[in-house]
PDB file of N, CA and C in Angstrom:
ATOM      1  N   MET A   1       0.714  -1.151  -0.012  1.00  0.00           N
ATOM      2  CA  MET A   1       0.102   0.252   0.017  1.00  0.00           C
ATOM      3  C   MET A   1       0.640   1.486   0.048  1.00  0.00           C
ATOM      4  N   SER A   2       0.497   2.039  -0.798  1.00  0.00           N
ATOM      5  CA  SER A   2       1.123   3.500  -0.565  1.00  0.00           C
ATOM      6  C   SER A   2       0.499   4.581   0.365  1.00  0.00           C
ATOM      7  N   ASP A   3       1.724   5.034   0.580  1.00  0.00           N
ATOM      8  CA  ASP A   3       1.641   6.394   1.837  1.00  0.00           C
ATOM      9  C   ASP A   3       1.199   7.631   1.002  1.00  0.00           C
ATOM     10  N   ARG A   4       0.922   7.525   0.033  1.00  0.00           N
ATOM     11  CA  ARG A   4      -0.072   8.706  -0.509  1.00  0.00           C
ATOM     12  C   ARG A   4      -1.517   8.780  -0.249  1.00  0.00           C
ATOM     13  N   PRO A   5      -2.091   9.863  -0.262  1.00  0.00           N
ATOM     14  CA  PRO A   5      -2.975  10.167  -0.189  1.00  0.00           C
ATOM     15  C   PRO A   5      -3.851   9.661  -1.541  1.00  0.00           C
ATOM     16  N   ASN A   6      -5.297   9.255  -1.542  1.00  0.00           N
ATOM     17  CA  ASN A   6      -5.873   9.344  -2.999  1.00  0.00           C
ATOM     18  C   ASN A   6      -6.418  10.245  -3.326  1.00  0.00           C
ATOM     19  N   ILE A   7      -5.559  10.858  -4.229  1.00  0.00           N
ATOM     20  CA  ILE A   7      -6.033  12.095  -5.036  1.00  0.00           C
ATOM     21  C   ILE A   7      -6.396  11.747  -6.195  1.00  0.00           C
ATOM     22  N   PRO A   8      -7.038  12.306  -6.865  1.00  0.00           N
ATOM     23  CA  PRO A   8      -7.587  11.741  -8.188  1.00  0.00           C
ATOM     24  C   PRO A   8      -6.374  12.555  -9.075  1.00  0.00           C
ATOM     25  N   PHE A   9      -6.095  11.767 -10.041  1.00  0.00           N
ATOM     26  CA  PHE A   9      -4.998  12.162 -10.942  1.00  0.00           C
ATOM     27  C   PHE A   9      -5.626  12.728 -12.507  1.00  0.00           C
ATOM     28  N   LEU A  10      -5.515  14.150 -12.688  1.00  0.00           N
ATOM     29  CA  LEU A  10      -5.577  14.742 -13.948  1.00  0.00           C
ATOM     30  C   LEU A  10      -4.974  14.898 -14.974  1.00  0.00           C
ATOM     31  N   GLU A  11      -4.628  14.434 -16.128  1.00  0.00           N
ATOM     32  CA  GLU A  11      -3.944  14.455 -17.042  1.00  0.00           C
ATOM     33  C   GLU A  11      -3.654  15.754 -17.281  1.00  0.00           C
ATOM     34  N   ARG A  12      -2.529  16.370 -17.536  1.00  0.00           N
ATOM     35  CA  ARG A  12      -2.356  18.231 -17.502  1.00  0.00           C
ATOM     36  C   ARG A  12      -2.438  18.471 -18.420  1.00  0.00           C
ATOM     37  N   GLN A  13      -2.584  18.065 -19.884  1.00  0.00           N
ATOM     38  CA  GLN A  13      -3.886  18.607 -20.941  1.00  0.00           C
ATOM     39  C   GLN A  13      -5.044  18.813 -20.189  1.00  0.00           C
ATOM     40  N   SER A  14      -5.973  17.955 -19.631  1.00  0.00           N
ATOM     41  CA  SER A  14      -6.920  18.085 -19.388  1.00  0.00           C
ATOM     42  C   SER A  14      -7.301  19.138 -18.229  1.00  0.00           C
ATOM     43  N   TYR A  15      -5.713  19.291 -17.535  1.00  0.00           N
ATOM     44  CA  TYR A  15      -6.482  19.904 -16.273  1.00  0.00           C
ATOM     45  C   TYR A  15      -6.252  21.528 -17.044  1.00  0.00           C
ATOM     46  N   ARG A  16      -5.216  21.695 -18.007  1.00  0.00           N
ATOM     47  CA  ARG A  16      -4.958  23.185 -18.626  1.00  0.00           C
ATOM     48  C   ARG A  16      -6.162  23.562 -19.341  1.00  0.00           C
ATOM     49  N   ARG A  17      -7.218  22.639 -20.102  1.00  0.00           N
ATOM     50  CA  ARG A  17      -7.997  22.714 -21.106  1.00  0.00           C
ATOM     51  C   ARG A  17      -9.171  23.023 -19.802  1.00  0.00           C
ATOM     52  N   ARG A  18      -9.723  22.437 -18.814  1.00  0.00           N
ATOM     53  CA  ARG A  18     -10.170  22.700 -17.850  1.00  0.00           C
ATOM     54  C   ARG A  18     -10.431  24.457 -17.598  1.00  0.00           C
ATOM     55  N   ARG A  19      -8.521  24.565 -16.899  1.00  0.00           N
ATOM     56  CA  ARG A  19      -8.276  26.132 -16.448  1.00  0.00           C
ATOM     57  C   ARG A  19      -8.606  26.777 -17.613  1.00  0.00           C
ATOM     58  N   LEU A  20      -9.023  27.017 -18.850  1.00  0.00           N
ATOM     59  CA  LEU A  20      -8.526  27.412 -20.110  1.00  0.00           C
ATOM     60  C   LEU A  20     -10.015  27.716 -20.329  1.00  0.00           C
ATOM     61  N   ILE A  21     -10.736  26.858 -20.177  1.00  0.00           N
ATOM     62  CA  ILE A  21     -12.508  26.639 -19.920  1.00  0.00           C
ATOM     63  C   ILE A  21     -13.034  28.038 -18.532  1.00  0.00           C
ATOM     64  N   ASP A  22     -12.500  27.677 -17.699  1.00  0.00           N
ATOM     65  CA  ASP A  22     -12.868  28.568 -16.345  1.00  0.00           C
ATOM     66  C   ASP A  22     -11.969  30.240 -16.836  1.00  0.00           C
ATOM     67  N   THR A  23     -11.202  30.392 -17.541  1.00  0.00           N
ATOM     68  CA  THR A  23     -11.004  31.812 -17.899  1.00  0.00           C
ATOM     69  C   THR A  23     -11.599  31.996 -18.756  1.00  0.00           C
ATOM     70  N   ILE A  24     -11.883  31.346 -19.965  1.00  0.00           N
ATOM     71  CA  ILE A  24     -12.855  32.397 -20.739  1.00  0.00           C
ATOM     72  C   ILE A  24     -14.148  32.382 -20.155  1.00  0.00           C
ATOM     73  N   ARG A  25     -14.830  31.928 -19.942  1.00  0.00           N
ATOM     74  CA  ARG A  25     -15.759  31.848 -18.348  1.00  0.00           C
ATOM     75  C   ARG A  25     -16.309  33.541 -18.227  1.00  0.00           C
ATOM     76  N   MET A  26     -14.598  33.646 -17.469  1.00  0.00           N
ATOM     77  CA  MET A  26     -14.568  34.759 -16.903  1.00  0.00           C
ATOM     78  C   MET A  26     -14.607  35.964 -17.531  1.00  0.00           C
ATOM     79  N   VAL A  27     -14.411  35.741 -18.861  1.00  0.00           N
ATOM     80  CA  VAL A  27     -14.068  37.372 -19.369  1.00  0.00           C
ATOM     81  C   VAL A  27     -15.134  38.011 -19.866  1.00  0.00           C
ATOM     82  N   PRO A  28     -16.544  37.450 -19.865  1.00  0.00           N
ATOM     83  CA  PRO A  28     -17.648  38.587 -19.690  1.00  0.00           C
ATOM     84  C   PRO A  28     -17.370  39.188 -19.034  1.00  0.00           C
ATOM     85  N   VAL A  29     -17.351  38.812 -17.631  1.00  0.00           N
ATOM     86  CA  VAL A  29     -17.391  39.485 -16.112  1.00  0.00           C
ATOM     87  C   VAL A  29     -16.431  40.480 -16.234  1.00  0.00           C
ATOM     88  N   VAL A  30     -15.429  40.488 -16.913  1.00  0.00           N
ATOM     89  CA  VAL A  30     -14.288  41.493 -16.755  1.00  0.00           C
ATOM     90  C   VAL A  30     -14.457  41.997 -17.783  1.00  0.00           C
ATOM     91  N   GLY A  31     -15.217  42.138 -18.831  1.00  0.00           N
ATOM     92  CA  GLY A  31     -15.465  43.267 -19.539  1.00  0.00           C
ATOM     93  C   GLY A  31     -16.549  44.029 -19.246  1.00  0.00           C
ATOM     94  N   ALA A  32     -17.487  43.603 -18.150  1.00  0.00           N
ATOM     95  CA  ALA A  32     -18.333  44.209 -17.640  1.00  0.00           C
ATOM     96  C   ALA A  32     -18.063  45.357 -16.782  1.00  0.00           C
ATOM     97  N   VAL A  33     -16.671  44.892 -15.541  1.00  0.00           N
ATOM     98  CA  VAL A  33     -16.121  45.626 -14.569  1.00  0.00           C
ATOM     99  C   VAL A  33     -15.426  46.363 -15.668  1.00  0.00           C
ATOM    100  N   LEU A  34     -14.715  46.301 -16.862  1.00  0.00           N
ATOM    101  CA  LEU A  34     -14.067  47.419 -17.215  1.00  0.00           C
ATOM    102  C   LEU A  34     -15.024  48.136 -17.984  1.00  0.00           C
ATOM    103  N   TRP A  35     -15.908  48.005 -18.467  1.00  0.00           N
ATOM    104  CA  TRP A  35     -17.417  49.143 -19.178  1.00  0.00           C
ATOM    105  C   TRP A  35     -17.562  49.579 -18.036  1.00  0.00           C
ATOM    106  N   SER A  36     -17.888  49.166 -16.773  1.00  0.00           N
ATOM    107  CA  SER A  36     -18.541  49.951 -16.049  1.00  0.00           C
ATOM    108  C   SER A  36     -17.277  51.237 -14.808  1.00  0.00           C
ATOM    109  N   VAL A  37     -16.235  50.944 -15.299  1.00  0.00           N
ATOM    110  CA  VAL A  37     -15.073  52.090 -14.839  1.00  0.00           C
ATOM    111  C   VAL A  37     -15.749  53.226 -15.360  1.00  0.00           C
ATOM    112  N   PRO A  38     -16.134  53.665 -16.618  1.00  0.00           N
ATOM    113  CA  PRO A  38     -16.142  55.200 -16.897  1.00  0.00           C
ATOM    114  C   PRO A  38     -17.731  55.488 -15.705  1.00  0.00           C
ATOM    115  N   LEU A  39     -18.315  54.667 -15.249  1.00  0.00           N
ATOM    116  CA  LEU A  39     -19.327  55.178 -14.192  1.00  0.00           C
ATOM    117  C   LEU A  39     -18.879  55.689 -13.115  1.00  0.00           C
ATOM    118  N   LEU A  40     -17.230  55.653 -12.665  1.00  0.00           N
ATOM    119  CA  LEU A  40     -16.767  56.085 -11.764  1.00  0.00           C
ATOM    120  C   LEU A  40     -16.103  57.896 -11.676  1.00  0.00           C
ATOM    121  N   TRP A  41     -16.104  57.864 -13.197  1.00  0.00           N
ATOM    122  CA  TRP A  41     -14.813  58.463 -13.453  1.00  0.00           C
ATOM    123  C   TRP A  41     -16.211  60.159 -13.024  1.00  0.00           C
ATOM    124  N   PRO A  42     -15.435  61.380 -12.562  1.00  0.00           N
ATOM    125  CA  PRO A  42     -16.253  62.618 -12.209  1.00  0.00           C
ATOM    126  C   PRO A  42     -16.760  62.908 -13.790  1.00  0.00           C
ATOM    127  N   THR A  43     -17.787  64.036 -13.102  1.00  0.00           N
ATOM    128  CA  THR A  43     -18.915  64.617 -14.344  1.00  0.00           C
ATOM    129  C   THR A  43     -18.101  65.798 -14.408  1.00  0.00           C
ATOM    130  N   PRO A  44     -18.837  66.621 -15.446  1.00  0.00           N
ATOM    131  CA  PRO A  44     -17.853  67.911 -15.681  1.00  0.00           C
ATOM    132  C   PRO A  44     -18.580  68.774 -14.526  1.00  0.00           C
ATOM    133  N   GLU A  45     -19.708  68.476 -14.072  1.00  0.00           N
ATOM    134  CA  GLU A  45     -20.650  68.818 -13.447  1.00  0.00           C
ATOM    135  C   GLU A  45     -19.723  69.132 -11.349  1.00  0.00           C
ATOM    136  N   GLU A  46     -18.968  67.848 -11.434  1.00  0.00           N
ATOM    137  CA  GLU A  46     -18.765  67.876 -10.343  1.00  0.00           C
ATOM    138  C   GLU A  46     -17.314  68.628  -9.917  1.00  0.00           C
ATOM    139  N   GLY A  47     -16.739  69.687 -11.323  1.00  0.00           N
ATOM    140  CA  GLY A  47     -15.504  70.082 -10.945  1.00  0.00           C
ATOM    141  C   GLY A  47     -14.576  69.639 -11.775  1.00  0.00           C
ATOM    142  N   ALA A  48     -13.497  69.888 -11.407  1.00  0.00           N
ATOM    143  CA  ALA A  48     -11.919  69.706 -11.652  1.00  0.00           C
ATOM    144  C   ALA A  48     -11.946  68.241 -11.793  1.00  0.00           C
ATOM    145  N   GLY A  49     -10.965  67.661 -13.030  1.00  0.00           N
ATOM    146  CA  GLY A  49     -10.745  66.354 -13.130  1.00  0.00           C
ATOM    147  C   GLY A  49     -11.639  65.627 -13.773  1.00  0.00           C
ATOM    148  N   SER A  50     -12.421  65.949 -14.254  1.00  0.00           N
ATOM    149  CA  SER A  50     -13.300  65.419 -15.381  1.00  0.00           C
ATOM    150  C   SER A  50     -12.612  64.667 -16.508  1.00  0.00           C
ATOM    151  N   VAL A  51     -13.447  63.903 -16.867  1.00  0.00           N
ATOM    152  CA  VAL A  51     -13.107  63.260 -18.427  1.00  0.00           C
ATOM    153  C   VAL A  51     -13.929  63.265 -19.615  1.00  0.00           C
ATOM    154  N   ALA A  52     -13.239  63.643 -20.580  1.00  0.00           N
ATOM    155  CA  ALA A  52     -13.717  64.104 -21.998  1.00  0.00           C
ATOM    156  C   ALA A  52     -14.565  62.685 -22.284  1.00  0.00           C
ATOM    157  N   THR A  53     -15.836  63.305 -22.983  1.00  0.00           N
ATOM    158  CA  THR A  53     -16.479  62.306 -23.266  1.00  0.00           C
ATOM    159  C   THR A  53     -15.447  61.536 -24.750  1.00  0.00           C
ATOM    160  N   SER A  54     -14.665  61.876 -25.283  1.00  0.00           N
ATOM    161  CA  SER A  54     -14.376  61.308 -26.455  1.00  0.00           C
ATOM    162  C   SER A  54     -13.330  60.425 -25.770  1.00  0.00           C
ATOM    163  N   ASP A  55     -12.486  60.388 -24.341  1.00  0.00           N
ATOM    164  CA  ASP A  55     -11.784  59.440 -23.984  1.00  0.00           C
ATOM    165  C   ASP A  55     -12.365  58.677 -23.671  1.00  0.00           C
ATOM    166  N   ALA A  56     -13.629  59.125 -23.312  1.00  0.00           N
ATOM    167  CA  ALA A  56     -14.409  57.401 -22.623  1.00  0.00           C
ATOM    168  C   ALA A  56     -14.793  56.660 -23.333  1.00  0.00           C
ATOM    169  N   ILE A  57     -15.200  57.255 -24.847  1.00  0.00           N
ATOM    170  CA  ILE A  57     -15.399  56.443 -26.089  1.00  0.00           C
ATOM    171  C   ILE A  57     -13.695  55.812 -26.335  1.00  0.00           C
ATOM    172  N   ILE A  58     -12.844  56.323 -26.330  1.00  0.00           N
ATOM    173  CA  ILE A  58     -11.755  55.612 -26.910  1.00  0.00           C
ATOM    174  C   ILE A  58     -11.862  54.171 -26.011  1.00  0.00           C
ATOM    175  N   TYR A  59     -12.056  54.852 -24.375  1.00  0.00           N
ATOM    176  CA  TYR A  59     -11.617  53.492 -23.116  1.00  0.00           C
ATOM    177  C   TYR A  59     -12.630  52.525 -24.034  1.00  0.00           C
ATOM    178  N   ILE A  60     -14.290  52.984 -24.048  1.00  0.00           N
ATOM    179  CA  ILE A  60     -14.873  51.809 -24.128  1.00  0.00           C
ATOM    180  C   ILE A  60     -14.406  50.998 -25.348  1.00  0.00           C
ATOM    181  N   PHE A  61     -14.034  51.230 -26.599  1.00  0.00           N
ATOM    182  CA  PHE A  61     -13.383  50.602 -27.577  1.00  0.00           C
ATOM    183  C   PHE A  61     -12.445  50.394 -27.447  1.00  0.00           C
ATOM    184  N   LEU A  62     -11.233  50.379 -26.636  1.00  0.00           N
ATOM    185  CA  LEU A  62     -10.441  49.740 -26.915  1.00  0.00           C
ATOM    186  C   LEU A  62     -10.590  48.673 -25.253  1.00  0.00           C
ATOM    187  N   VAL A  63     -11.535  48.614 -24.467  1.00  0.00           N
ATOM    188  CA  VAL A  63     -12.277  47.622 -24.125  1.00  0.00           C
ATOM    189  C   VAL A  63     -12.571  46.708 -25.118  1.00  0.00           C
ATOM    190  N   TRP A  64     -13.842  46.913 -25.662  1.00  0.00           N
ATOM    191  CA  TRP A  64     -14.271  46.078 -26.546  1.00  0.00           C
ATOM    192  C   TRP A  64     -13.003  45.098 -27.352  1.00  0.00           C
ATOM    193  N   LEU A  65     -11.844  45.978 -27.961  1.00  0.00           N
ATOM    194  CA  LEU A  65     -11.007  45.532 -29.184  1.00  0.00           C
ATOM    195  C   LEU A  65     -10.126  44.601 -28.278  1.00  0.00           C
ATOM    196  N   GLY A  66      -9.744  45.013 -26.965  1.00  0.00           N
ATOM    197  CA  GLY A  66      -9.207  43.890 -26.112  1.00  0.00           C
ATOM    198  C   GLY A  66     -10.140  42.241 -25.659  1.00  0.00           C
ATOM    199  N   LEU A  67     -10.979  42.566 -25.473  1.00  0.00           N
ATOM    200  CA  LEU A  67     -12.087  41.152 -25.428  1.00  0.00           C
ATOM    201  C   LEU A  67     -12.333  40.495 -26.980  1.00  0.00           C
ATOM    202  N   VAL A  68     -12.085  40.875 -28.093  1.00  0.00           N
ATOM    203  CA  VAL A  68     -12.206  40.358 -28.818  1.00  0.00           C
ATOM    204  C   VAL A  68     -11.139  40.004 -29.205  1.00  0.00           C
ATOM    205  N   VAL A  69      -9.811  40.707 -29.319  1.00  0.00           N
ATOM    206  CA  VAL A  69      -8.322  39.619 -29.135  1.00  0.00           C
ATOM    207  C   VAL A  69      -8.618  38.247 -28.352  1.00  0.00           C
ATOM    208  N   PHE A  70      -8.596  39.295 -26.876  1.00  0.00           N
ATOM    209  CA  PHE A  70      -8.606  37.905 -26.177  1.00  0.00           C
ATOM    210  C   PHE A  70      -9.625  36.548 -26.377  1.00  0.00           C
ATOM    211  N   GLY A  71     -10.786  36.985 -26.830  1.00  0.00           N
ATOM    212  CA  GLY A  71     -11.689  35.722 -27.170  1.00  0.00           C
ATOM    213  C   GLY A  71     -11.392  35.054 -28.470  1.00  0.00           C
ATOM    214  N   GLY A  72     -10.498  35.948 -29.527  1.00  0.00           N
ATOM    215  CA  GLY A  72      -9.865  35.218 -30.525  1.00  0.00           C
ATOM    216  C   GLY A  72      -8.607  34.152 -30.085  1.00  0.00           C
ATOM    217  N   TRP A  73      -7.926  34.266 -29.287  1.00  0.00           N
ATOM    218  CA  TRP A  73      -6.512  33.938 -28.685  1.00  0.00           C
ATOM    219  C   TRP A  73      -7.302  32.418 -27.573  1.00  0.00           C
ATOM    220  N   PHE A  74      -8.378  32.727 -27.389  1.00  0.00           N
ATOM    221  CA  PHE A  74      -8.822  32.057 -25.935  1.00  0.00           C
ATOM    222  C   PHE A  74      -9.384  30.910 -26.969  1.00  0.00           C
ATOM    223  N   ALA A  75     -10.299  31.041 -27.993  1.00  0.00           N
ATOM    224  CA  ALA A  75     -10.602  30.136 -29.037  1.00  0.00           C
ATOM    225  C   ALA A  75      -9.612  29.890 -29.985  1.00  0.00           C
ATOM    226  N   PHE A  76      -8.409  30.202 -30.279  1.00  0.00           N
ATOM    227  CA  PHE A  76      -7.332  29.442 -31.204  1.00  0.00           C
ATOM    228  C   PHE A  76      -6.617  28.127 -30.277  1.00  0.00           C
ATOM    229  N   MET A  77      -6.647  29.454 -28.783  1.00  0.00           N
ATOM    230  CA  MET A  77      -5.960  27.998 -27.433  1.00  0.00           C
ATOM    231  C   MET A  77      -6.855  26.944 -27.614  1.00  0.00           C
ATOM    232  N   MET A  78      -8.227  27.012 -27.497  1.00  0.00           N
ATOM    233  CA  MET A  78      -8.715  25.728 -27.370  1.00  0.00           C
ATOM    234  C   MET A  78      -9.011  24.968 -28.462  1.00  0.00           C
ATOM    235  N   LYS A  79      -8.824  25.240 -30.136  1.00  0.00           N
ATOM    236  CA  LYS A  79      -8.847  24.505 -31.045  1.00  0.00           C
ATOM    237  C   LYS A  79      -7.635  24.050 -31.007  1.00  0.00           C
ATOM    238  N   ARG A  80      -6.391  24.565 -30.483  1.00  0.00           N
ATOM    239  CA  ARG A  80      -5.449  23.402 -30.556  1.00  0.00           C
ATOM    240  C   ARG A  80      -5.354  22.723 -29.250  1.00  0.00           C
ATOM    241  N   SER A  81      -5.981  22.772 -28.380  1.00  0.00           N
ATOM    242  CA  SER A  81      -6.286  21.808 -27.290  1.00  0.00           C
ATOM    243  C   SER A  81      -6.433  19.856 -27.725  1.00  0.00           C
ATOM    244  N   ASP A  82      -8.341  20.826 -28.499  1.00  0.00           N
ATOM    245  CA  ASP A  82      -9.075  19.742 -29.174  1.00  0.00           C
ATOM    246  C   ASP A  82      -8.175  19.110 -30.284  1.00  0.00           C
ATOM    247  N   ALA A  83      -7.041  19.911 -30.986  1.00  0.00           N
ATOM    248  CA  ALA A  83      -6.225  19.138 -32.197  1.00  0.00           C
ATOM    249  C   ALA A  83      -5.530  17.829 -31.142  1.00  0.00           C
ATOM    250  N   GLN A  84      -4.593  18.790 -30.096  1.00  0.00           N
ATOM    251  CA  GLN A  84      -3.727  17.459 -29.202  1.00  0.00           C
ATOM    252  C   GLN A  84      -4.282  16.555 -28.778  1.00  0.00           C
ATOM    253  N   GLU A  85      -5.779  16.303 -28.208  1.00  0.00           N
ATOM    254  CA  GLU A  85      -6.342  15.381 -27.422  1.00  0.00           C
ATOM    255  C   GLU A  85      -6.560  14.595 -28.552  1.00  0.00           C
ATOM    256  N   GLU A  86      -6.954  14.941 -30.192  1.00  0.00           N
ATOM    257  CA  GLU A  86      -7.640  13.946 -30.858  1.00  0.00           C
ATOM    258  C   GLU A  86      -5.930  13.192 -31.605  1.00  0.00           C
ATOM    259  N   GLY A  87      -4.980  13.875 -31.035  1.00  0.00           N
ATOM    260  CA  GLY A  87      -3.871  13.639 -31.607  1.00  0.00           C
ATOM    261  C   GLY A  87      -3.374  12.288 -31.100  1.00  0.00           C
ATOM    262  N   ARG A  88      -3.894  12.352 -29.654  1.00  0.00           N
ATOM    263  CA  ARG A  88      -3.112  11.569 -28.786  1.00  0.00           C
ATOM    264  C   ARG A  88      -4.387  10.065 -28.800  1.00  0.00           C
ATOM    265  N   GLY A  89      -5.454  10.256 -29.144  1.00  0.00           N
ATOM    266  CA  GLY A  89      -6.486   9.032 -29.203  1.00  0.00           C
ATOM    267  C   GLY A  89      -7.207   9.293 -28.316  1.00  0.00           C
ATOM    268  N   ARG A  90      -7.709  10.420 -27.654  1.00  0.00           N
ATOM    269  CA  ARG A  90      -8.621  10.639 -26.121  1.00  0.00           C
ATOM    270  C   ARG A  90      -8.443   9.372 -25.494  1.00  0.00           C
TER     271      ARG A  90
END
């Protein structure tokens, strides 16, 4: 009998794939948080330090672009992971 505790073994690829899926599920949450940041910025009525509308629109666009890029990268990584699993014969 072994001295090791009974811990289920996950293959490295399976573990990485699950963590990648967990990360993909967090992307909309991170996007919503980043899109809500402009709501915290001071308005012109509040006085000094206000943010121009054009800067807010650029920020929103860059967040959207970042989400698209990360979504594409995650899709590529999932496709690569699927190809590796098929190559091993599952």
